[in-house]
Amino acid sequence: MKTGLVSLVGAGPGDCGLITLAGARRLAEAELVLYDALVAEEILSLAPNALRVPVGKRAGRPSASQASIERLMIRAARRGRRVVRLKGGDPFVLGRGGEEALALAGAGVPFEVVPGVSSAVAAPGLAGIPLTHRGLSSAFVVVSGHSEESCRPVLEGLAPSTATLVVLMGLGRRKEIVSLLLRRGWKPATPAAICAGASTPESTLWTGRLDELADVPQSHGLPGTIVIGEVVELSAEIGSQGLRHRPEAGQARIYATRT
């Protein structure tokens, strides 16, 4: 029986214009698309001939198990189908893409990785925040804020203000993260930002101080990226002058900003 191909494709941060050309081609060729919860409908429309199956995981909601997702990919590929496992951002950045690649390799199924633009860099960039900047920061660290246990070892080993800190999936754990950083010696006045709904029409940006971060209201369920470091202050100048990418071409993104 002819063996198919599984493509682990990064969908980017949200806007259809930010998926790679290679990712768009794989979707156009796909017969089966297994997609994450945050993938936009516009991106799914790039796969007009495919069966589209939602397999995304959202906190506190019923979702497909990782084992069942892997079984679906393997079974379809063994039947000769072209499968796209469509993941938000980049498949190998906090997306369990590595687990899926190992499962496919173990099953002897041909697969490829099509990188995507991670919100770890896209969200700050669209908000006018360069993660590195001469004289302010020469490095950045990305951690998962899904649980305090997952990020604590990294944060406890990171000397205060030695790098720009980017926290993905951390809005629900802001109080714990702020408390940990302050205990580690980070200054309360360290600039901080929340970039919510990056690259979508609903996008917003909050900027303020580290010690204010825990009290910022949630952005109506939008996914958010936390950025902490001196580079956040550059958003006031860069963001006020630059045109930000958005789905409606030619329009500047207006952010709700608090200082």
C-alpha atoms as a PDB file:
ATOM      1  CA  MET A   1       0.000   0.000   0.000  1.00  0.00           C
ATOM      2  CA  LYS A   2       1.294   3.457  -0.868  1.00  0.00           C
ATOM      3  CA  THR A   3       2.485   5.446   2.161  1.00  0.00           C
ATOM      4  CA  GLY A   4       1.460   9.079   2.428  1.00  0.00           C
ATOM      5  CA  LEU A   5       3.181  12.036   4.012  1.00  0.00           C
ATOM      6  CA  VAL A   6       2.579  13.980   7.218  1.00  0.00           C
ATOM      7  CA  SER A   7       3.537  17.656   7.241  1.00  0.00           C
ATOM      8  CA  LEU A   8       3.916  19.304  10.647  1.00  0.00           C
ATOM      9  CA  VAL A   9       3.037  22.856   9.624  1.00  0.00           C
ATOM     10  CA  GLY A  10       3.299  26.040  11.665  1.00  0.00           C
ATOM     11  CA  ALA A  11       0.317  28.310  11.003  1.00  0.00           C
ATOM     12  CA  GLY A  12       2.000  31.420  12.409  1.00  0.00           C
ATOM     13  CA  PRO A  13       0.554  33.816  14.998  1.00  0.00           C
ATOM     14  CA  GLY A  14      -2.945  34.080  13.551  1.00  0.00           C
ATOM     15  CA  ASP A  15      -3.206  36.225  10.433  1.00  0.00           C
ATOM     16  CA  CYS A  16      -3.387  34.230   7.206  1.00  0.00           C
ATOM     17  CA  GLY A  17      -0.800  36.539   5.649  1.00  0.00           C
ATOM     18  CA  LEU A  18       1.834  35.334   8.092  1.00  0.00           C
ATOM     19  CA  ILE A  19       1.803  31.642   7.221  1.00  0.00           C
ATOM     20  CA  THR A  20       4.788  30.605   5.081  1.00  0.00           C
ATOM     21  CA  LEU A  21       4.475  29.888   1.365  1.00  0.00           C
ATOM     22  CA  ALA A  22       5.557  26.308   2.016  1.00  0.00           C
ATOM     23  CA  GLY A  23       2.840  25.931   4.653  1.00  0.00           C
ATOM     24  CA  ALA A  24       0.203  27.302   2.278  1.00  0.00           C
ATOM     25  CA  ARG A  25       1.311  24.853  -0.437  1.00  0.00           C
ATOM     26  CA  ARG A  26       1.046  21.883   1.907  1.00  0.00           C
ATOM     27  CA  LEU A  27      -2.476  22.937   2.881  1.00  0.00           C
ATOM     28  CA  ALA A  28      -3.494  23.240  -0.777  1.00  0.00           C
ATOM     29  CA  GLU A  29      -2.267  19.668  -1.368  1.00  0.00           C
ATOM     30  CA  ALA A  30      -3.701  18.193   1.849  1.00  0.00           C
ATOM     31  CA  GLU A  31      -6.335  15.490   2.040  1.00  0.00           C
ATOM     32  CA  LEU A  32      -6.609  15.604   5.836  1.00  0.00           C
ATOM     33  CA  VAL A  33      -5.910  18.562   8.140  1.00  0.00           C
ATOM     34  CA  LEU A  34      -5.717  18.096  11.905  1.00  0.00           C
ATOM     35  CA  TYR A  35      -5.741  21.607  13.320  1.00  0.00           C
ATOM     36  CA  ASP A  36      -5.268  23.363  16.643  1.00  0.00           C
ATOM     37  CA  ALA A  37      -7.933  25.427  18.405  1.00  0.00           C
ATOM     38  CA  LEU A  38      -6.417  28.844  17.662  1.00  0.00           C
ATOM     39  CA  VAL A  39      -5.984  28.351  13.904  1.00  0.00           C
ATOM     40  CA  ALA A  40      -8.044  30.949  12.005  1.00  0.00           C
ATOM     41  CA  GLU A  41     -10.812  29.896   9.613  1.00  0.00           C
ATOM     42  CA  GLU A  42      -9.119  31.925   6.876  1.00  0.00           C
ATOM     43  CA  ILE A  43      -6.040  29.706   7.132  1.00  0.00           C
ATOM     44  CA  LEU A  44      -8.157  26.554   7.017  1.00  0.00           C
ATOM     45  CA  SER A  45      -9.698  27.810   3.782  1.00  0.00           C
ATOM     46  CA  LEU A  46      -6.272  27.287   2.174  1.00  0.00           C
ATOM     47  CA  ALA A  47      -7.078  23.545   2.280  1.00  0.00           C
ATOM     48  CA  PRO A  48     -10.245  23.430   0.108  1.00  0.00           C
ATOM     49  CA  ASN A  49     -10.020  19.728  -0.724  1.00  0.00           C
ATOM     50  CA  ALA A  50      -9.175  18.395   2.714  1.00  0.00           C
ATOM     51  CA  LEU A  51     -11.189  16.861   5.499  1.00  0.00           C
ATOM     52  CA  ARG A  52     -10.600  19.234   8.427  1.00  0.00           C
ATOM     53  CA  VAL A  53     -10.620  17.790  11.917  1.00  0.00           C
ATOM     54  CA  PRO A  54     -10.259  19.985  15.047  1.00  0.00           C
ATOM     55  CA  VAL A  55      -7.907  18.436  17.603  1.00  0.00           C
ATOM     56  CA  GLY A  56      -6.911  21.524  19.583  1.00  0.00           C
ATOM     57  CA  LYS A  57      -6.376  21.580  23.316  1.00  0.00           C
ATOM     58  CA  ARG A  58      -7.845  24.402  25.404  1.00  0.00           C
ATOM     59  CA  ALA A  59      -7.440  24.645  29.144  1.00  0.00           C
ATOM     60  CA  GLY A  60     -10.401  23.223  31.042  1.00  0.00           C
ATOM     61  CA  ARG A  61     -12.218  22.003  27.938  1.00  0.00           C
ATOM     62  CA  PRO A  62     -12.665  18.506  26.489  1.00  0.00           C
ATOM     63  CA  SER A  63     -10.084  17.814  23.798  1.00  0.00           C
ATOM     64  CA  ALA A  64      -8.458  15.062  21.780  1.00  0.00           C
ATOM     65  CA  SER A  65      -5.685  13.203  23.564  1.00  0.00           C
ATOM     66  CA  GLN A  66      -2.160  13.407  22.222  1.00  0.00           C
ATOM     67  CA  ALA A  67      -2.147   9.653  21.642  1.00  0.00           C
ATOM     68  CA  SER A  68      -5.328   9.831  19.537  1.00  0.00           C
ATOM     69  CA  ILE A  69      -3.896  12.658  17.413  1.00  0.00           C
ATOM     70  CA  GLU A  70      -0.792  10.612  16.721  1.00  0.00           C
ATOM     71  CA  ARG A  71      -2.864   7.559  15.819  1.00  0.00           C
ATOM     72  CA  LEU A  72      -4.933   9.599  13.355  1.00  0.00           C
ATOM     73  CA  MET A  73      -1.817  10.910  11.607  1.00  0.00           C
ATOM     74  CA  ILE A  74      -0.177   7.492  11.376  1.00  0.00           C
ATOM     75  CA  ARG A  75      -3.324   5.685  10.185  1.00  0.00           C
ATOM     76  CA  ALA A  76      -4.065   8.258   7.476  1.00  0.00           C
ATOM     77  CA  ALA A  77      -0.468   8.306   6.217  1.00  0.00           C
ATOM     78  CA  ARG A  78      -0.379   4.514   6.027  1.00  0.00           C
ATOM     79  CA  ARG A  79      -3.457   4.712   3.838  1.00  0.00           C
ATOM     80  CA  GLY A  80      -1.555   6.902   1.408  1.00  0.00           C
ATOM     81  CA  ARG A  81      -3.068  10.250   2.376  1.00  0.00           C
ATOM     82  CA  ARG A  82      -1.330  13.613   2.516  1.00  0.00           C
ATOM     83  CA  VAL A  83      -1.816  14.845   6.068  1.00  0.00           C
ATOM     84  CA  VAL A  84      -1.186  18.294   7.523  1.00  0.00           C
ATOM     85  CA  ARG A  85      -0.881  18.623  11.270  1.00  0.00           C
ATOM     86  CA  LEU A  86      -1.555  22.346  11.538  1.00  0.00           C
ATOM     87  CA  LYS A  87      -0.254  23.972  14.696  1.00  0.00           C
ATOM     88  CA  GLY A  88      -0.390  27.578  15.868  1.00  0.00           C
ATOM     89  CA  GLY A  89       2.914  29.423  15.704  1.00  0.00           C
ATOM     90  CA  ASP A  90       5.801  27.027  15.127  1.00  0.00           C
ATOM     91  CA  PRO A  91       5.410  23.246  15.549  1.00  0.00           C
ATOM     92  CA  PHE A  92       8.511  22.946  17.717  1.00  0.00           C
ATOM     93  CA  VAL A  93       7.894  25.931  20.032  1.00  0.00           C
ATOM     94  CA  LEU A  94       5.767  24.746  22.968  1.00  0.00           C
ATOM     95  CA  GLY A  95       3.480  22.915  20.574  1.00  0.00           C
ATOM     96  CA  ARG A  96       4.283  19.228  21.218  1.00  0.00           C
ATOM     97  CA  GLY A  97       5.533  18.977  17.655  1.00  0.00           C
ATOM     98  CA  GLY A  98       8.564  17.092  18.870  1.00  0.00           C
ATOM     99  CA  GLU A  99       6.348  14.411  20.407  1.00  0.00           C
ATOM    100  CA  GLU A 100       4.451  14.018  17.167  1.00  0.00           C
ATOM    101  CA  ALA A 101       7.656  13.848  15.124  1.00  0.00           C
ATOM    102  CA  LEU A 102       8.979  11.092  17.407  1.00  0.00           C
ATOM    103  CA  ALA A 103       5.719   9.156  17.077  1.00  0.00           C
ATOM    104  CA  LEU A 104       5.854   9.381  13.283  1.00  0.00           C
ATOM    105  CA  ALA A 105       9.519   8.394  13.177  1.00  0.00           C
ATOM    106  CA  GLY A 106       8.838   5.437  15.468  1.00  0.00           C
ATOM    107  CA  ALA A 107       6.011   4.274  13.208  1.00  0.00           C
ATOM    108  CA  GLY A 108       8.173   4.560  10.093  1.00  0.00           C
ATOM    109  CA  VAL A 109       5.871   7.176   8.546  1.00  0.00           C
ATOM    110  CA  PRO A 110       7.447   9.791   6.225  1.00  0.00           C
ATOM    111  CA  PHE A 111       7.059  13.292   7.611  1.00  0.00           C
ATOM    112  CA  GLU A 112       8.437  16.799   7.289  1.00  0.00           C
ATOM    113  CA  VAL A 113       8.542  19.928   9.413  1.00  0.00           C
ATOM    114  CA  VAL A 114       7.377  23.234   7.923  1.00  0.00           C
ATOM    115  CA  PRO A 115       8.403  25.946  10.408  1.00  0.00           C
ATOM    116  CA  GLY A 116       6.053  28.776  11.291  1.00  0.00           C
ATOM    117  CA  VAL A 117       6.328  32.248  12.797  1.00  0.00           C
ATOM    118  CA  SER A 118       6.079  31.863  16.567  1.00  0.00           C
ATOM    119  CA  SER A 119       4.051  34.358  18.585  1.00  0.00           C
ATOM    120  CA  ALA A 120       7.101  34.513  20.873  1.00  0.00           C
ATOM    121  CA  VAL A 121       8.705  36.823  18.325  1.00  0.00           C
ATOM    122  CA  ALA A 122       5.692  37.926  16.239  1.00  0.00           C
ATOM    123  CA  ALA A 123       3.579  39.343  19.073  1.00  0.00           C
ATOM    124  CA  PRO A 124       6.290  41.638  20.475  1.00  0.00           C
ATOM    125  CA  GLY A 125       7.424  42.621  16.973  1.00  0.00           C
ATOM    126  CA  LEU A 126       3.924  43.622  15.885  1.00  0.00           C
ATOM    127  CA  ALA A 127       3.636  45.671  19.084  1.00  0.00           C
ATOM    128  CA  GLY A 128       6.825  47.580  18.314  1.00  0.00           C
ATOM    129  CA  ILE A 129       8.924  45.705  20.895  1.00  0.00           C
ATOM    130  CA  PRO A 130      12.294  44.436  19.629  1.00  0.00           C
ATOM    131  CA  LEU A 131      13.321  41.446  21.745  1.00  0.00           C
ATOM    132  CA  THR A 132      16.973  42.415  21.419  1.00  0.00           C
ATOM    133  CA  HIS A 133      18.321  45.943  21.145  1.00  0.00           C
ATOM    134  CA  ARG A 134      21.848  47.242  21.383  1.00  0.00           C
ATOM    135  CA  GLY A 135      22.516  48.638  24.823  1.00  0.00           C
ATOM    136  CA  LEU A 136      19.316  47.202  26.328  1.00  0.00           C
ATOM    137  CA  SER A 137      19.196  43.454  25.708  1.00  0.00           C
ATOM    138  CA  SER A 138      21.429  41.023  23.824  1.00  0.00           C
ATOM    139  CA  ALA A 139      19.305  37.928  24.480  1.00  0.00           C
ATOM    140  CA  PHE A 140      15.767  36.743  25.076  1.00  0.00           C
ATOM    141  CA  VAL A 141      14.346  33.772  26.954  1.00  0.00           C
ATOM    142  CA  VAL A 142      11.039  32.075  26.079  1.00  0.00           C
ATOM    143  CA  VAL A 143       9.214  30.048  28.715  1.00  0.00           C
ATOM    144  CA  SER A 144       5.839  28.367  29.030  1.00  0.00           C
ATOM    145  CA  GLY A 145       3.674  29.937  31.709  1.00  0.00           C
ATOM    146  CA  HIS A 146       1.144  27.119  31.604  1.00  0.00           C
ATOM    147  CA  SER A 147       2.186  26.099  35.116  1.00  0.00           C
ATOM    148  CA  GLU A 148       4.533  27.579  37.684  1.00  0.00           C
ATOM    149  CA  GLU A 149       6.368  24.264  37.901  1.00  0.00           C
ATOM    150  CA  SER A 150       7.275  24.389  34.204  1.00  0.00           C
ATOM    151  CA  CYS A 151       8.814  27.868  34.255  1.00  0.00           C
ATOM    152  CA  ARG A 152      10.168  28.135  37.809  1.00  0.00           C
ATOM    153  CA  PRO A 153      13.532  26.395  37.159  1.00  0.00           C
ATOM    154  CA  VAL A 154      14.281  28.745  34.259  1.00  0.00           C
ATOM    155  CA  LEU A 155      13.163  31.904  36.041  1.00  0.00           C
ATOM    156  CA  GLU A 156      15.031  31.043  39.220  1.00  0.00           C
ATOM    157  CA  GLY A 157      18.202  30.570  37.185  1.00  0.00           C
ATOM    158  CA  LEU A 158      17.797  33.820  35.230  1.00  0.00           C
ATOM    159  CA  ALA A 159      19.571  36.785  36.794  1.00  0.00           C
ATOM    160  CA  PRO A 160      17.350  39.897  36.943  1.00  0.00           C
ATOM    161  CA  SER A 161      17.211  41.948  33.726  1.00  0.00           C
ATOM    162  CA  THR A 162      19.947  39.950  31.945  1.00  0.00           C
ATOM    163  CA  ALA A 163      17.608  39.085  29.057  1.00  0.00           C
ATOM    164  CA  THR A 164      14.190  39.960  27.690  1.00  0.00           C
ATOM    165  CA  LEU A 165      11.692  37.501  29.140  1.00  0.00           C
ATOM    166  CA  VAL A 166       8.858  36.205  26.928  1.00  0.00           C
ATOM    167  CA  VAL A 167       6.114  34.122  28.537  1.00  0.00           C
ATOM    168  CA  LEU A 168       3.697  32.143  26.376  1.00  0.00           C
ATOM    169  CA  MET A 169       0.436  30.742  27.765  1.00  0.00           C
ATOM    170  CA  GLY A 170       1.048  32.607  30.998  1.00  0.00           C
ATOM    171  CA  LEU A 171      -1.859  35.015  31.423  1.00  0.00           C
ATOM    172  CA  GLY A 172      -3.555  32.774  33.954  1.00  0.00           C
ATOM    173  CA  ARG A 173      -0.359  32.492  36.029  1.00  0.00           C
ATOM    174  CA  ARG A 174       0.675  36.140  36.041  1.00  0.00           C
ATOM    175  CA  LYS A 175       0.532  36.565  39.803  1.00  0.00           C
ATOM    176  CA  GLU A 176       2.805  33.592  40.423  1.00  0.00           C
ATOM    177  CA  ILE A 177       5.246  34.705  37.717  1.00  0.00           C
ATOM    178  CA  VAL A 178       5.414  38.289  39.000  1.00  0.00           C
ATOM    179  CA  SER A 179       5.857  37.102  42.582  1.00  0.00           C
ATOM    180  CA  LEU A 180       8.670  34.759  41.586  1.00  0.00           C
ATOM    181  CA  LEU A 181      10.510  37.446  39.604  1.00  0.00           C
ATOM    182  CA  LEU A 182      10.234  40.012  42.397  1.00  0.00           C
ATOM    183  CA  ARG A 183      11.600  37.463  44.859  1.00  0.00           C
ATOM    184  CA  ARG A 184      14.493  36.866  42.472  1.00  0.00           C
ATOM    185  CA  GLY A 185      15.384  40.549  42.605  1.00  0.00           C
ATOM    186  CA  TRP A 186      13.737  41.961  39.488  1.00  0.00           C
ATOM    187  CA  LYS A 187      12.872  45.629  40.027  1.00  0.00           C
ATOM    188  CA  PRO A 188       9.142  46.377  40.453  1.00  0.00           C
ATOM    189  CA  ALA A 189       9.455  49.148  37.857  1.00  0.00           C
ATOM    190  CA  THR A 190      10.816  46.818  35.156  1.00  0.00           C
ATOM    191  CA  PRO A 191       8.843  47.551  31.952  1.00  0.00           C
ATOM    192  CA  ALA A 192       6.301  44.871  31.058  1.00  0.00           C
ATOM    193  CA  ALA A 193       3.746  44.283  28.309  1.00  0.00           C
ATOM    194  CA  ILE A 194       0.881  42.013  27.371  1.00  0.00           C
ATOM    195  CA  CYS A 195       0.385  41.555  23.626  1.00  0.00           C
ATOM    196  CA  ALA A 196      -3.054  39.978  23.159  1.00  0.00           C
ATOM    197  CA  GLY A 197      -4.541  38.654  19.921  1.00  0.00           C
ATOM    198  CA  ALA A 198      -1.405  39.449  17.933  1.00  0.00           C
ATOM    199  CA  SER A 199      -1.942  39.933  14.167  1.00  0.00           C
ATOM    200  CA  THR A 200      -5.737  39.832  14.521  1.00  0.00           C
ATOM    201  CA  PRO A 201      -8.206  42.748  14.292  1.00  0.00           C
ATOM    202  CA  GLU A 202      -8.898  42.319  18.034  1.00  0.00           C
ATOM    203  CA  SER A 203      -5.258  42.792  19.023  1.00  0.00           C
ATOM    204  CA  THR A 204      -4.460  44.964  22.036  1.00  0.00           C
ATOM    205  CA  LEU A 205      -1.308  46.021  23.826  1.00  0.00           C
ATOM    206  CA  TRP A 206      -0.945  46.847  27.505  1.00  0.00           C
ATOM    207  CA  THR A 207       2.306  48.337  28.775  1.00  0.00           C
ATOM    208  CA  GLY A 208       3.242  49.161  32.332  1.00  0.00           C
ATOM    209  CA  ARG A 209       5.411  47.962  35.209  1.00  0.00           C
ATOM    210  CA  LEU A 210       6.214  44.466  36.367  1.00  0.00           C
ATOM    211  CA  ASP A 211       4.458  45.019  39.696  1.00  0.00           C
ATOM    212  CA  GLU A 212       1.267  46.068  37.837  1.00  0.00           C
ATOM    213  CA  LEU A 213       1.228  43.063  35.529  1.00  0.00           C
ATOM    214  CA  ALA A 214      -0.751  40.773  37.802  1.00  0.00           C
ATOM    215  CA  ASP A 215      -3.696  43.183  38.006  1.00  0.00           C
ATOM    216  CA  VAL A 216      -4.270  43.721  34.270  1.00  0.00           C
ATOM    217  CA  PRO A 217      -7.744  42.460  33.209  1.00  0.00           C
ATOM    218  CA  GLN A 218      -7.897  39.483  30.851  1.00  0.00           C
ATOM    219  CA  SER A 219      -8.338  40.404  27.176  1.00  0.00           C
ATOM    220  CA  HIS A 220     -11.698  38.690  26.550  1.00  0.00           C
ATOM    221  CA  GLY A 221     -10.166  35.232  26.212  1.00  0.00           C
ATOM    222  CA  LEU A 222      -7.640  36.257  23.569  1.00  0.00           C
ATOM    223  CA  PRO A 223      -4.292  34.448  23.607  1.00  0.00           C
ATOM    224  CA  GLY A 224      -1.632  36.718  25.037  1.00  0.00           C
ATOM    225  CA  THR A 225       2.144  36.992  25.118  1.00  0.00           C
ATOM    226  CA  ILE A 226       3.867  38.545  28.132  1.00  0.00           C
ATOM    227  CA  VAL A 227       7.079  40.495  27.561  1.00  0.00           C
ATOM    228  CA  ILE A 228       9.255  41.737  30.427  1.00  0.00           C
ATOM    229  CA  GLY A 229      12.371  43.856  30.032  1.00  0.00           C
ATOM    230  CA  GLU A 230      13.734  47.275  29.188  1.00  0.00           C
ATOM    231  CA  VAL A 231      12.998  46.828  25.472  1.00  0.00           C
ATOM    232  CA  VAL A 232       9.269  47.218  26.219  1.00  0.00           C
ATOM    233  CA  GLU A 233       9.807  50.973  26.567  1.00  0.00           C
ATOM    234  CA  LEU A 234      10.749  51.185  22.877  1.00  0.00           C
ATOM    235  CA  SER A 235       7.167  50.348  21.888  1.00  0.00           C
ATOM    236  CA  ALA A 236       6.053  53.883  22.751  1.00  0.00           C
ATOM    237  CA  GLU A 237       8.193  55.334  19.963  1.00  0.00           C
ATOM    238  CA  ILE A 238       8.357  52.455  17.488  1.00  0.00           C
ATOM    239  CA  GLY A 239       4.693  51.616  17.857  1.00  0.00           C
ATOM    240  CA  SER A 240       3.500  55.195  17.438  1.00  0.00           C
ATOM    241  CA  GLN A 241       5.240  55.612  14.083  1.00  0.00           C
ATOM    242  CA  GLY A 242       5.256  52.171  12.484  1.00  0.00           C
ATOM    243  CA  LEU A 243       2.416  50.596  10.521  1.00  0.00           C
ATOM    244  CA  ARG A 244       1.638  47.213  12.041  1.00  0.00           C
ATOM    245  CA  HIS A 245       0.696  44.223   9.944  1.00  0.00           C
ATOM    246  CA  ARG A 246      -2.978  43.346  10.116  1.00  0.00           C
ATOM    247  CA  PRO A 247      -5.483  41.441   7.954  1.00  0.00           C
ATOM    248  CA  GLU A 248      -6.847  44.611   6.327  1.00  0.00           C
ATOM    249  CA  ALA A 249      -3.930  45.777   4.204  1.00  0.00           C
ATOM    250  CA  GLY A 250      -2.854  49.389   4.460  1.00  0.00           C
ATOM    251  CA  GLN A 251      -4.363  50.149   7.862  1.00  0.00           C
ATOM    252  CA  ALA A 252      -2.419  50.852  11.024  1.00  0.00           C
ATOM    253  CA  ARG A 253      -3.223  48.813  14.087  1.00  0.00           C
ATOM    254  CA  ILE A 254      -4.468  50.964  16.953  1.00  0.00           C
ATOM    255  CA  TYR A 255      -3.667  49.476  20.345  1.00  0.00           C
ATOM    256  CA  ALA A 256      -5.275  50.172  23.698  1.00  0.00           C
ATOM    257  CA  THR A 257      -2.225  51.050  25.778  1.00  0.00           C
ATOM    258  CA  ARG A 258      -2.014  51.838  29.476  1.00  0.00           C
ATOM    259  CA  THR A 259       1.073  53.174  31.192  1.00  0.00           C
END
